[in-house]
């Protein structure tokens, strides 16, 4: 079996506050990997907003997530609902993620 190496090319963590109240945390990881059928672009990623549940004090990791998990292709999860996502590059991926995050934060 061939050892396939992933190289981390972008990592970002950010606490999200609204009026001095912690709402959650953003974590982004983007890897460059060898191109293959499951990852045609040679990119593997997971961009997540874990919402802090004010009732339990626990973080909810699937509140907003963009990923391309092997076998599932490019997709996003918004409040537990999964939708397909058209990947157009890393910069657009990050823009789209923050656009969805802004919509979610408006509701908070």
Foldseek 3Di string as FASTA:
>chain_A
DDDKDKAWDDWDKDFDDDPNHTFWMWIKTKIQTDADDLRNPSIWIKIWTFTQDPVPRDTRTQCWMWTSPGPRGTWIGHHNDIDHDDDDDDVVVVVVSVVSVVVVVVVD
